[in-house]
Amino acid sequence: MRSRLTSLLQLIPSMIFYRHLDSPVGILTIAATDAGLHAIEFPRNRHAASRDAWQEGDHALLDRAARQLDEYFAAERRAFDLPLAPRGTDFQRMVWRTLAGIGYGETISYAQLAQRVGRPTAMRAVGAANGRNPLPIVLPCHRVIGADGSLTGFGGGLPTKQFLLQLEGALPKADDLFG
């Protein structure tokens, strides 16, 4: 009886706490449990997470994530130190782990990301997983660009991707284009 109860309890999703955070790219929604950070969403997120078991409220990890995001936007943080708990397929999580290895101010192409994942012919699948990243900024999917250097799809919109890359120095600021 006890093992059956334990199995049933594992099927019940744990409560995910969320809060909103003002940022230079708009109001972000950040969500976490004791297991880790689950989501960072932009105001018009293309692939918003399911809100099942979400409750607005306080959580120590939300405070820590908000502080680190504020530091990032103030150009005082280049890497994040947070426990992460993104939900996705095994393949998606493998791609997301690989994103963590793209350094601050560095950009790579989708083909290079596919190479790093160990699936060089799976560029479309890697691109799709990149697009479903529930933890943008922390798992820096914005650092993946087209093979020709163009800015391509981003859940937060291309202006947000451009802003993040300019913040990191990977792109010149608009004022610096000719000088």
N, C-alpha and C. Protein backbone atom coordinates (compact mmCIF):
# COMPACT_ATOMS: atom_id res chain seq x y z
N MET A 1 0.84 -1.19 0.00
CA MET A 1 0.00 0.00 0.00
C MET A 1 0.88 1.26 0.00
N ARG A 2 1.96 1.21 0.78
CA ARG A 2 2.81 2.39 0.89
C ARG A 2 3.47 2.74 -0.44
N SER A 3 3.97 1.73 -1.18
CA SER A 3 4.63 2.00 -2.46
C SER A 3 3.62 2.52 -3.48
N ARG A 4 2.37 2.06 -3.42
CA ARG A 4 1.34 2.55 -4.34
C ARG A 4 1.05 4.02 -4.05
N LEU A 5 0.98 4.40 -2.78
CA LEU A 5 0.75 5.78 -2.40
C LEU A 5 1.92 6.66 -2.85
N THR A 6 3.13 6.18 -2.67
CA THR A 6 4.31 6.92 -3.11
C THR A 6 4.26 7.11 -4.62
N SER A 7 3.88 6.09 -5.36
CA SER A 7 3.77 6.19 -6.82
C SER A 7 2.72 7.22 -7.22
N LEU A 8 1.59 7.21 -6.54
CA LEU A 8 0.54 8.17 -6.85
C LEU A 8 0.98 9.59 -6.54
N LEU A 9 1.69 9.78 -5.44
CA LEU A 9 2.15 11.12 -5.07
C LEU A 9 3.16 11.66 -6.09
N GLN A 10 3.94 10.78 -6.69
CA GLN A 10 4.90 11.22 -7.70
C GLN A 10 4.21 11.73 -8.95
N LEU A 11 2.99 11.30 -9.20
CA LEU A 11 2.23 11.75 -10.36
C LEU A 11 1.64 13.14 -10.15
N ILE A 12 1.50 13.55 -8.91
CA ILE A 12 0.94 14.86 -8.60
C ILE A 12 2.04 15.90 -8.79
N PRO A 13 1.83 16.87 -9.70
CA PRO A 13 2.89 17.86 -9.91
C PRO A 13 3.08 18.71 -8.66
N SER A 14 4.34 19.02 -8.36
CA SER A 14 4.59 19.89 -7.22
C SER A 14 4.20 21.32 -7.60
N MET A 15 3.86 22.09 -6.61
CA MET A 15 3.44 23.46 -6.86
C MET A 15 4.60 24.26 -7.42
N ILE A 16 4.34 24.95 -8.50
CA ILE A 16 5.33 25.83 -9.12
C ILE A 16 4.97 27.26 -8.74
N PHE A 17 5.89 27.94 -8.09
CA PHE A 17 5.67 29.33 -7.70
C PHE A 17 6.22 30.24 -8.80
N TYR A 18 5.52 31.34 -9.02
CA TYR A 18 6.02 32.27 -10.02
C TYR A 18 5.86 33.70 -9.54
N ARG A 19 6.59 34.58 -10.20
CA ARG A 19 6.48 36.01 -9.94
C ARG A 19 6.89 36.74 -11.21
N HIS A 20 6.62 38.01 -11.22
CA HIS A 20 6.97 38.85 -12.37
C HIS A 20 8.18 39.70 -12.01
N LEU A 21 8.98 39.99 -13.02
CA LEU A 21 10.21 40.75 -12.83
C LEU A 21 10.30 41.79 -13.93
N ASP A 22 10.39 43.06 -13.54
CA ASP A 22 10.62 44.12 -14.52
C ASP A 22 12.04 43.98 -15.05
N SER A 23 12.18 44.13 -16.36
CA SER A 23 13.50 44.04 -16.98
C SER A 23 13.56 44.99 -18.17
N PRO A 24 14.73 45.24 -18.71
CA PRO A 24 14.84 46.10 -19.88
C PRO A 24 14.14 45.54 -21.13
N VAL A 25 13.81 44.25 -21.13
CA VAL A 25 13.12 43.64 -22.27
C VAL A 25 11.64 43.39 -21.98
N GLY A 26 11.14 44.00 -20.93
CA GLY A 26 9.73 43.85 -20.56
C GLY A 26 9.59 43.04 -19.28
N ILE A 27 8.37 42.81 -18.91
CA ILE A 27 8.10 42.06 -17.68
C ILE A 27 8.30 40.58 -17.95
N LEU A 28 9.23 39.99 -17.21
CA LEU A 28 9.49 38.56 -17.31
C LEU A 28 8.68 37.83 -16.26
N THR A 29 8.27 36.62 -16.57
CA THR A 29 7.65 35.73 -15.59
C THR A 29 8.68 34.65 -15.29
N ILE A 30 9.01 34.49 -14.02
CA ILE A 30 9.96 33.45 -13.62
C ILE A 30 9.23 32.47 -12.70
N ALA A 31 9.52 31.18 -12.87
CA ALA A 31 8.82 30.15 -12.13
C ALA A 31 9.80 29.11 -11.60
N ALA A 32 9.54 28.64 -10.37
CA ALA A 32 10.45 27.68 -9.73
C ALA A 32 9.74 26.82 -8.71
N THR A 33 10.39 25.72 -8.39
CA THR A 33 10.02 24.86 -7.27
C THR A 33 11.30 24.63 -6.47
N ASP A 34 11.20 23.80 -5.44
CA ASP A 34 12.40 23.44 -4.68
C ASP A 34 13.41 22.72 -5.57
N ALA A 35 12.94 22.06 -6.63
CA ALA A 35 13.84 21.32 -7.53
C ALA A 35 14.69 22.23 -8.39
N GLY A 36 14.20 23.44 -8.68
CA GLY A 36 14.97 24.36 -9.50
C GLY A 36 14.09 25.32 -10.28
N LEU A 37 14.73 26.13 -11.09
CA LEU A 37 14.05 27.10 -11.94
C LEU A 37 13.40 26.36 -13.10
N HIS A 38 12.11 26.61 -13.33
CA HIS A 38 11.36 25.92 -14.38
C HIS A 38 11.18 26.75 -15.63
N ALA A 39 10.99 28.05 -15.48
CA ALA A 39 10.67 28.86 -16.65
C ALA A 39 11.07 30.31 -16.45
N ILE A 40 11.44 30.92 -17.58
CA ILE A 40 11.58 32.37 -17.69
C ILE A 40 10.83 32.71 -18.97
N GLU A 41 9.81 33.52 -18.84
CA GLU A 41 8.99 33.84 -20.01
C GLU A 41 8.98 35.33 -20.28
N PHE A 42 9.06 35.65 -21.57
CA PHE A 42 8.97 37.03 -22.03
C PHE A 42 7.50 37.44 -22.10
N PRO A 43 7.21 38.74 -22.24
CA PRO A 43 5.82 39.18 -22.27
C PRO A 43 4.99 38.49 -23.37
N ARG A 44 5.54 38.32 -24.54
CA ARG A 44 4.83 37.64 -25.63
C ARG A 44 5.62 36.39 -25.99
N ASN A 45 5.59 35.43 -25.11
CA ASN A 45 6.37 34.20 -25.28
C ASN A 45 5.72 33.31 -26.33
N ARG A 46 6.50 32.86 -27.29
CA ARG A 46 5.98 32.03 -28.37
C ARG A 46 5.55 30.65 -27.87
N HIS A 47 6.26 30.09 -26.92
CA HIS A 47 5.95 28.75 -26.41
C HIS A 47 5.83 28.82 -24.88
N ALA A 48 4.76 29.41 -24.41
CA ALA A 48 4.56 29.56 -22.96
C ALA A 48 4.38 28.18 -22.32
N ALA A 49 4.90 28.05 -21.12
CA ALA A 49 4.77 26.81 -20.36
C ALA A 49 3.32 26.62 -19.91
N SER A 50 2.94 25.38 -19.70
CA SER A 50 1.63 25.08 -19.14
C SER A 50 1.57 25.66 -17.73
N ARG A 51 0.47 26.28 -17.40
CA ARG A 51 0.33 26.91 -16.08
C ARG A 51 -0.32 25.98 -15.04
N ASP A 52 -0.42 24.71 -15.37
CA ASP A 52 -0.96 23.76 -14.40
C ASP A 52 -0.07 23.76 -13.16
N ALA A 53 -0.66 23.81 -12.02
CA ALA A 53 0.03 23.77 -10.73
C ALA A 53 0.91 25.01 -10.49
N TRP A 54 0.64 26.11 -11.16
CA TRP A 54 1.37 27.36 -10.93
C TRP A 54 0.60 28.22 -9.94
N GLN A 55 1.33 28.84 -9.04
CA GLN A 55 0.72 29.74 -8.07
C GLN A 55 1.65 30.93 -7.87
N GLU A 56 1.09 32.11 -7.95
CA GLU A 56 1.91 33.30 -7.70
C GLU A 56 2.29 33.31 -6.23
N GLY A 57 3.56 33.57 -5.97
CA GLY A 57 3.98 33.58 -4.57
C GLY A 57 5.47 33.72 -4.43
N ASP A 58 5.89 33.68 -3.19
CA ASP A 58 7.30 33.84 -2.85
C ASP A 58 8.00 32.48 -2.80
N HIS A 59 9.24 32.49 -3.21
CA HIS A 59 10.09 31.31 -3.11
C HIS A 59 11.53 31.82 -3.12
N ALA A 60 12.36 31.26 -2.29
CA ALA A 60 13.75 31.72 -2.20
C ALA A 60 14.47 31.66 -3.55
N LEU A 61 14.18 30.64 -4.34
CA LEU A 61 14.84 30.52 -5.64
C LEU A 61 14.38 31.62 -6.61
N LEU A 62 13.14 32.05 -6.49
CA LEU A 62 12.67 33.16 -7.33
C LEU A 62 13.43 34.43 -6.98
N ASP A 63 13.66 34.66 -5.69
CA ASP A 63 14.43 35.83 -5.27
C ASP A 63 15.86 35.76 -5.81
N ARG A 64 16.45 34.60 -5.72
CA ARG A 64 17.83 34.41 -6.20
C ARG A 64 17.90 34.61 -7.72
N ALA A 65 16.94 34.04 -8.45
CA ALA A 65 16.92 34.18 -9.91
C ALA A 65 16.70 35.64 -10.30
N ALA A 66 15.79 36.32 -9.61
CA ALA A 66 15.53 37.73 -9.91
C ALA A 66 16.79 38.57 -9.69
N ARG A 67 17.49 38.31 -8.61
CA ARG A 67 18.73 39.04 -8.31
C ARG A 67 19.77 38.81 -9.40
N GLN A 68 19.93 37.55 -9.81
CA GLN A 68 20.93 37.25 -10.83
C GLN A 68 20.53 37.82 -12.20
N LEU A 69 19.25 37.81 -12.52
CA LEU A 69 18.81 38.43 -13.78
C LEU A 69 19.02 39.94 -13.75
N ASP A 70 18.73 40.57 -12.62
CA ASP A 70 18.99 42.01 -12.48
C ASP A 70 20.47 42.31 -12.69
N GLU A 71 21.33 41.48 -12.11
CA GLU A 71 22.78 41.65 -12.27
C GLU A 71 23.19 41.47 -13.73
N TYR A 72 22.59 40.50 -14.40
CA TYR A 72 22.88 40.28 -15.82
C TYR A 72 22.51 41.52 -16.64
N PHE A 73 21.32 42.04 -16.43
CA PHE A 73 20.87 43.22 -17.19
C PHE A 73 21.69 44.47 -16.85
N ALA A 74 22.29 44.50 -15.68
CA ALA A 74 23.16 45.62 -15.30
C ALA A 74 24.61 45.38 -15.76
N ALA A 75 24.83 44.33 -16.56
CA ALA A 75 26.16 43.95 -17.06
C ALA A 75 27.13 43.65 -15.93
N GLU A 76 26.60 43.13 -14.81
CA GLU A 76 27.42 42.76 -13.66
C GLU A 76 27.54 41.24 -13.50
N ARG A 77 26.88 40.48 -14.36
CA ARG A 77 26.90 39.01 -14.27
C ARG A 77 27.02 38.45 -15.68
N ARG A 78 27.92 37.48 -15.81
CA ARG A 78 28.14 36.83 -17.11
C ARG A 78 27.69 35.38 -17.11
N ALA A 79 27.52 34.78 -15.95
CA ALA A 79 27.08 33.39 -15.83
C ALA A 79 26.11 33.28 -14.67
N PHE A 80 25.22 32.31 -14.75
CA PHE A 80 24.21 32.11 -13.72
C PHE A 80 24.57 30.92 -12.86
N ASP A 81 24.22 31.01 -11.59
CA ASP A 81 24.47 29.96 -10.62
C ASP A 81 23.14 29.62 -9.96
N LEU A 82 22.34 28.85 -10.68
CA LEU A 82 20.99 28.52 -10.22
C LEU A 82 20.71 27.04 -10.49
N PRO A 83 20.00 26.37 -9.58
CA PRO A 83 19.55 25.02 -9.91
C PRO A 83 18.45 25.12 -10.96
N LEU A 84 18.52 24.28 -11.98
CA LEU A 84 17.57 24.34 -13.09
C LEU A 84 16.75 23.07 -13.15
N ALA A 85 15.47 23.20 -13.51
CA ALA A 85 14.58 22.05 -13.62
C ALA A 85 13.66 22.23 -14.82
N PRO A 86 14.24 22.39 -16.02
CA PRO A 86 13.38 22.54 -17.20
C PRO A 86 12.67 21.23 -17.53
N ARG A 87 11.46 21.35 -18.03
CA ARG A 87 10.69 20.16 -18.41
C ARG A 87 10.70 20.04 -19.92
N GLY A 88 11.08 18.87 -20.40
CA GLY A 88 11.13 18.61 -21.82
C GLY A 88 11.54 17.17 -22.07
N THR A 89 11.65 16.83 -23.35
CA THR A 89 12.08 15.48 -23.72
C THR A 89 13.57 15.32 -23.40
N ASP A 90 14.04 14.11 -23.44
CA ASP A 90 15.47 13.86 -23.22
C ASP A 90 16.30 14.63 -24.24
N PHE A 91 15.88 14.62 -25.50
CA PHE A 91 16.61 15.32 -26.55
C PHE A 91 16.63 16.83 -26.29
N GLN A 92 15.47 17.39 -25.95
CA GLN A 92 15.41 18.82 -25.65
C GLN A 92 16.35 19.18 -24.51
N ARG A 93 16.31 18.39 -23.43
CA ARG A 93 17.17 18.68 -22.28
C ARG A 93 18.65 18.56 -22.65
N MET A 94 18.99 17.65 -23.56
CA MET A 94 20.37 17.54 -24.02
C MET A 94 20.78 18.81 -24.77
N VAL A 95 19.91 19.32 -25.62
CA VAL A 95 20.20 20.56 -26.34
C VAL A 95 20.32 21.72 -25.35
N TRP A 96 19.43 21.79 -24.39
CA TRP A 96 19.44 22.89 -23.42
C TRP A 96 20.71 22.85 -22.57
N ARG A 97 21.16 21.66 -22.19
CA ARG A 97 22.43 21.54 -21.44
C ARG A 97 23.59 22.07 -22.29
N THR A 98 23.53 21.80 -23.57
CA THR A 98 24.59 22.25 -24.48
C THR A 98 24.58 23.77 -24.59
N LEU A 99 23.41 24.39 -24.56
CA LEU A 99 23.33 25.85 -24.61
C LEU A 99 24.13 26.48 -23.47
N ALA A 100 24.13 25.84 -22.33
CA ALA A 100 24.84 26.38 -21.16
C ALA A 100 26.33 26.54 -21.42
N GLY A 101 26.86 25.82 -22.40
CA GLY A 101 28.28 25.91 -22.71
C GLY A 101 28.65 27.02 -23.69
N ILE A 102 27.66 27.77 -24.16
CA ILE A 102 27.95 28.90 -25.06
C ILE A 102 28.27 30.09 -24.17
N GLY A 103 29.49 30.59 -24.27
CA GLY A 103 29.96 31.64 -23.39
C GLY A 103 29.31 33.00 -23.62
N TYR A 104 29.35 33.82 -22.59
CA TYR A 104 28.86 35.20 -22.63
C TYR A 104 29.55 35.93 -23.78
N GLY A 105 28.77 36.57 -24.64
CA GLY A 105 29.32 37.32 -25.75
C GLY A 105 29.71 36.47 -26.95
N GLU A 106 29.55 35.16 -26.85
CA GLU A 106 29.87 34.25 -27.95
C GLU A 106 28.59 33.93 -28.71
N THR A 107 28.68 33.73 -30.00
CA THR A 107 27.54 33.23 -30.77
C THR A 107 28.00 32.01 -31.56
N ILE A 108 27.05 31.11 -31.81
CA ILE A 108 27.30 29.95 -32.65
C ILE A 108 26.10 29.78 -33.57
N SER A 109 26.31 29.04 -34.65
CA SER A 109 25.22 28.77 -35.59
C SER A 109 24.44 27.53 -35.13
N TYR A 110 23.29 27.32 -35.76
CA TYR A 110 22.51 26.12 -35.46
C TYR A 110 23.30 24.88 -35.85
N ALA A 111 24.06 24.95 -36.95
CA ALA A 111 24.89 23.81 -37.36
C ALA A 111 25.95 23.51 -36.30
N GLN A 112 26.56 24.56 -35.75
CA GLN A 112 27.56 24.35 -34.70
C GLN A 112 26.91 23.77 -33.44
N LEU A 113 25.69 24.22 -33.12
CA LEU A 113 24.99 23.67 -31.96
C LEU A 113 24.71 22.19 -32.20
N ALA A 114 24.27 21.84 -33.40
CA ALA A 114 24.00 20.43 -33.72
C ALA A 114 25.29 19.61 -33.57
N GLN A 115 26.41 20.16 -33.99
CA GLN A 115 27.70 19.47 -33.83
C GLN A 115 28.00 19.25 -32.35
N ARG A 116 27.82 20.30 -31.55
CA ARG A 116 28.11 20.21 -30.11
C ARG A 116 27.21 19.19 -29.42
N VAL A 117 25.98 19.05 -29.91
CA VAL A 117 25.04 18.10 -29.32
C VAL A 117 25.42 16.68 -29.74
N GLY A 118 26.23 16.56 -30.79
CA GLY A 118 26.61 15.24 -31.28
C GLY A 118 25.66 14.72 -32.33
N ARG A 119 24.84 15.60 -32.88
CA ARG A 119 23.87 15.23 -33.92
C ARG A 119 24.00 16.19 -35.10
N PRO A 120 25.12 16.15 -35.83
CA PRO A 120 25.40 17.15 -36.86
C PRO A 120 24.39 17.23 -37.99
N THR A 121 23.64 16.17 -38.24
CA THR A 121 22.64 16.21 -39.31
C THR A 121 21.25 16.58 -38.80
N ALA A 122 21.12 16.83 -37.51
CA ALA A 122 19.81 17.10 -36.91
C ALA A 122 19.61 18.59 -36.63
N MET A 123 20.04 19.44 -37.58
CA MET A 123 19.96 20.89 -37.35
C MET A 123 18.53 21.37 -37.09
N ARG A 124 17.58 20.83 -37.83
CA ARG A 124 16.18 21.28 -37.63
C ARG A 124 15.66 20.86 -36.26
N ALA A 125 15.95 19.64 -35.86
CA ALA A 125 15.50 19.16 -34.54
C ALA A 125 16.18 19.95 -33.43
N VAL A 126 17.45 20.24 -33.62
CA VAL A 126 18.19 21.03 -32.63
C VAL A 126 17.61 22.44 -32.58
N GLY A 127 17.31 23.01 -33.76
CA GLY A 127 16.69 24.34 -33.80
C GLY A 127 15.33 24.36 -33.12
N ALA A 128 14.54 23.31 -33.32
CA ALA A 128 13.23 23.23 -32.68
C ALA A 128 13.37 23.14 -31.16
N ALA A 129 14.32 22.33 -30.70
CA ALA A 129 14.55 22.22 -29.24
C ALA A 129 15.03 23.55 -28.69
N ASN A 130 15.91 24.22 -29.41
CA ASN A 130 16.40 25.53 -29.00
C ASN A 130 15.23 26.50 -28.85
N GLY A 131 14.30 26.44 -29.80
CA GLY A 131 13.13 27.33 -29.76
C GLY A 131 12.16 27.03 -28.63
N ARG A 132 12.24 25.85 -28.06
CA ARG A 132 11.36 25.46 -26.95
C ARG A 132 12.04 25.62 -25.59
N ASN A 133 13.21 26.21 -25.57
CA ASN A 133 13.96 26.40 -24.32
C ASN A 133 13.11 27.19 -23.32
N PRO A 134 12.78 26.59 -22.17
CA PRO A 134 11.95 27.29 -21.18
C PRO A 134 12.73 28.25 -20.29
N LEU A 135 14.06 28.27 -20.43
CA LEU A 135 14.89 29.11 -19.56
C LEU A 135 15.81 30.03 -20.37
N PRO A 136 15.22 30.84 -21.27
CA PRO A 136 16.07 31.74 -22.04
C PRO A 136 16.84 32.68 -21.12
N ILE A 137 17.90 33.19 -21.60
CA ILE A 137 18.87 34.03 -20.89
C ILE A 137 19.76 33.15 -20.04
N VAL A 138 19.20 32.39 -19.11
CA VAL A 138 20.00 31.51 -18.25
C VAL A 138 20.61 30.38 -19.09
N LEU A 139 19.81 29.73 -19.92
CA LEU A 139 20.30 28.79 -20.93
C LEU A 139 20.23 29.59 -22.23
N PRO A 140 21.36 30.16 -22.67
CA PRO A 140 21.37 31.26 -23.63
C PRO A 140 21.08 30.90 -25.09
N CYS A 141 19.83 30.59 -25.37
CA CYS A 141 19.43 30.28 -26.74
C CYS A 141 19.55 31.50 -27.66
N HIS A 142 19.59 32.70 -27.08
CA HIS A 142 19.74 33.91 -27.89
C HIS A 142 21.11 33.97 -28.56
N ARG A 143 22.06 33.17 -28.09
CA ARG A 143 23.41 33.16 -28.65
C ARG A 143 23.54 32.27 -29.89
N VAL A 144 22.44 31.64 -30.29
CA VAL A 144 22.43 30.81 -31.49
C VAL A 144 21.86 31.65 -32.63
N ILE A 145 22.66 31.78 -33.70
CA ILE A 145 22.29 32.65 -34.82
C ILE A 145 22.40 31.87 -36.13
N GLY A 146 21.97 32.49 -37.21
CA GLY A 146 22.07 31.86 -38.52
C GLY A 146 23.52 31.68 -38.94
N ALA A 147 23.76 30.74 -39.85
CA ALA A 147 25.12 30.46 -40.33
C ALA A 147 25.76 31.69 -40.97
N ASP A 148 24.92 32.58 -41.52
CA ASP A 148 25.44 33.80 -42.16
C ASP A 148 25.56 34.97 -41.18
N GLY A 149 25.33 34.69 -39.89
CA GLY A 149 25.43 35.73 -38.87
C GLY A 149 24.13 36.47 -38.63
N SER A 150 23.07 36.09 -39.34
CA SER A 150 21.79 36.78 -39.17
C SER A 150 21.10 36.34 -37.88
N LEU A 151 20.30 37.24 -37.35
CA LEU A 151 19.49 36.91 -36.19
C LEU A 151 18.26 36.18 -36.69
N THR A 152 18.04 35.00 -36.17
CA THR A 152 16.90 34.19 -36.58
C THR A 152 16.04 33.91 -35.36
N GLY A 153 14.85 33.38 -35.58
CA GLY A 153 13.85 33.13 -34.56
C GLY A 153 14.28 33.18 -33.11
N PHE A 154 13.42 33.75 -32.30
CA PHE A 154 13.67 33.83 -30.86
C PHE A 154 12.32 34.01 -30.18
N GLY A 155 12.06 33.21 -29.15
CA GLY A 155 10.78 33.24 -28.45
C GLY A 155 10.41 34.59 -27.89
N GLY A 156 11.40 35.40 -27.56
CA GLY A 156 11.14 36.73 -27.02
C GLY A 156 11.07 37.81 -28.09
N GLY A 157 11.24 37.41 -29.36
CA GLY A 157 11.23 38.35 -30.47
C GLY A 157 12.64 38.77 -30.84
N LEU A 158 12.84 39.10 -32.11
CA LEU A 158 14.17 39.47 -32.58
C LEU A 158 14.72 40.73 -31.93
N PRO A 159 13.90 41.77 -31.64
CA PRO A 159 14.46 42.94 -30.94
C PRO A 159 15.04 42.56 -29.57
N THR A 160 14.42 41.62 -28.88
CA THR A 160 14.95 41.16 -27.58
C THR A 160 16.26 40.41 -27.78
N LYS A 161 16.31 39.55 -28.79
CA LYS A 161 17.54 38.82 -29.08
C LYS A 161 18.66 39.80 -29.39
N GLN A 162 18.37 40.81 -30.20
CA GLN A 162 19.37 41.82 -30.55
C GLN A 162 19.83 42.56 -29.30
N PHE A 163 18.89 42.94 -28.44
CA PHE A 163 19.24 43.64 -27.20
C PHE A 163 20.19 42.80 -26.34
N LEU A 164 19.86 41.51 -26.17
CA LEU A 164 20.68 40.63 -25.32
C LEU A 164 22.09 40.47 -25.90
N LEU A 165 22.17 40.30 -27.21
CA LEU A 165 23.49 40.15 -27.84
C LEU A 165 24.29 41.44 -27.78
N GLN A 166 23.62 42.58 -27.88
CA GLN A 166 24.31 43.87 -27.74
C GLN A 166 24.78 44.06 -26.30
N LEU A 167 23.95 43.69 -25.34
CA LEU A 167 24.32 43.79 -23.93
C LEU A 167 25.61 43.01 -23.67
N GLU A 168 25.72 41.84 -24.28
CA GLU A 168 26.88 40.97 -24.08
C GLU A 168 28.08 41.36 -24.95
N GLY A 169 27.89 42.32 -25.85
CA GLY A 169 28.98 42.73 -26.72
C GLY A 169 29.17 41.85 -27.94
N ALA A 170 28.22 40.95 -28.21
CA ALA A 170 28.32 40.08 -29.37
C ALA A 170 27.89 40.79 -30.65
N LEU A 171 27.15 41.88 -30.50
CA LEU A 171 26.73 42.73 -31.62
C LEU A 171 27.05 44.16 -31.24
N PRO A 172 27.40 45.00 -32.23
CA PRO A 172 27.60 46.40 -31.90
C PRO A 172 26.29 47.05 -31.52
N LYS A 173 26.35 48.00 -30.61
CA LYS A 173 25.15 48.77 -30.25
C LYS A 173 24.78 49.61 -31.46
N ALA A 174 23.50 49.93 -31.61
CA ALA A 174 23.03 50.69 -32.77
C ALA A 174 23.83 51.97 -32.96
N ASP A 175 24.18 52.66 -31.89
CA ASP A 175 24.94 53.90 -31.98
C ASP A 175 26.37 53.68 -32.46
N ASP A 176 26.86 52.42 -32.33
CA ASP A 176 28.26 52.12 -32.64
C ASP A 176 28.44 51.56 -34.05
N LEU A 177 27.39 51.47 -34.85
CA LEU A 177 27.49 50.79 -36.14
C LEU A 177 28.55 51.42 -37.06
N PHE A 178 28.71 52.73 -37.01
CA PHE A 178 29.64 53.39 -37.92
C PHE A 178 30.78 54.09 -37.18
N GLY A 179 30.93 53.77 -35.92
CA GLY A 179 31.98 54.49 -35.20
C GLY A 179 32.67 53.71 -34.22
